[in-house]
Structure formats: C-alpha cells, structure tokens
Protein backbone atom coordinates (compact mmCIF):
# COMPACT_ATOMS: atom_id res chain seq x y z
CA UNK A 1 -17.32 -33.42 -16.19
CA UNK A 2 -16.05 -30.13 -17.56
CA UNK A 3 -15.25 -27.13 -15.42
CA UNK A 4 -17.37 -24.25 -16.71
CA UNK A 5 -16.68 -21.75 -13.96
CA UNK A 6 -15.29 -18.40 -15.00
CA UNK A 7 -12.54 -16.61 -13.21
CA UNK A 8 -13.51 -13.39 -11.50
CA UNK A 9 -11.06 -10.94 -9.98
CA UNK A 10 -10.57 -11.05 -6.22
CA UNK A 11 -11.42 -7.36 -6.07
CA UNK A 12 -13.73 -4.88 -7.72
CA UNK A 13 -12.60 -1.70 -9.40
CA UNK A 14 -14.15 1.28 -7.59
CA UNK A 15 -16.31 3.64 -9.60
CA UNK A 16 -15.51 7.34 -9.91
CA UNK A 17 -17.80 8.35 -7.03
CA UNK A 18 -16.10 5.87 -4.71
CA UNK A 19 -12.65 7.04 -5.82
CA UNK A 20 -13.57 10.63 -4.99
CA UNK A 21 -14.87 9.67 -1.54
CA UNK A 22 -11.73 7.61 -0.81
CA UNK A 23 -9.53 10.51 -1.91
CA UNK A 24 -11.42 13.02 0.25
CA UNK A 25 -11.17 10.73 3.27
CA UNK A 26 -7.35 10.88 3.15
CA UNK A 27 -6.78 14.46 2.08
CA UNK A 28 -5.83 17.47 4.19
CA UNK A 29 -6.70 17.45 7.89
CA UNK A 30 -8.33 14.02 7.74
CA UNK A 31 -4.95 12.43 7.02
CA UNK A 32 -3.15 11.47 10.27
CA UNK A 33 0.21 12.60 8.83
CA UNK A 34 -1.11 15.95 7.59
CA UNK A 35 1.43 18.71 8.22
CA UNK A 36 3.80 16.28 9.99
CA UNK A 37 7.19 14.84 9.03
CA UNK A 38 9.11 11.77 10.12
CA UNK A 39 12.18 12.53 12.24
CA UNK A 40 15.61 11.54 10.92
CA UNK A 41 15.77 8.82 13.56
CA UNK A 42 12.45 7.38 12.39
CA UNK A 43 13.53 7.52 8.74
CA UNK A 44 16.71 5.59 9.57
CA UNK A 45 14.73 2.99 11.52
CA UNK A 46 12.26 2.49 8.67
CA UNK A 47 15.15 2.19 6.20
CA UNK A 48 16.94 -0.44 8.30
CA UNK A 49 13.78 -2.46 8.84
CA UNK A 50 12.92 -2.46 5.13
CA UNK A 51 16.47 -3.41 4.11
CA UNK A 52 16.41 -6.29 6.60
CA UNK A 53 13.00 -7.47 5.42
CA UNK A 54 14.07 -7.42 1.74
CA UNK A 55 17.38 -9.16 2.48
CA UNK A 56 15.52 -12.14 3.98
CA UNK A 57 13.06 -12.39 1.08
CA UNK A 58 13.85 -15.18 -1.41
CA UNK A 59 14.08 -14.17 -5.07
CA UNK A 60 14.12 -10.49 -4.18
CA UNK A 61 14.03 -8.20 -7.18
CA UNK A 62 16.61 -5.74 -5.83
CA UNK A 63 20.06 -6.66 -4.60
C-alpha cells in the first residue's frame, strides 16, 4: 500500500488583512510595554537567565 498523503504546513500564512489587525493589536497604547523600559536590574536578570539557558542546551549555535 502506497502512502499518498501530502505534507501540509503546521501553520497557515496570514493574509494581509490579518497581518494588519495583528499589527494594530500590538501597536501604541495597546502594547503592555508601550512607553516603558526595563530597569538595569531586570536587563541583567534576563541576560543571566538566557546565558544559563543557552549554556545547558546541547549543540548550541553560540559559544
């Protein structure tokens, strides 16, 4: 018995109307980080966490 199924992507590419609505939903005052900045302490914490996560990842692309 031959397998005649075709592969379909696991996602669909959004059309232009959908792209515009998605963009509008995250622009200006609707974005939770609008007009806000991370503190230096938060930036350092994010950096440390990401470095730790990448150091434990096998076959990591960056060393």
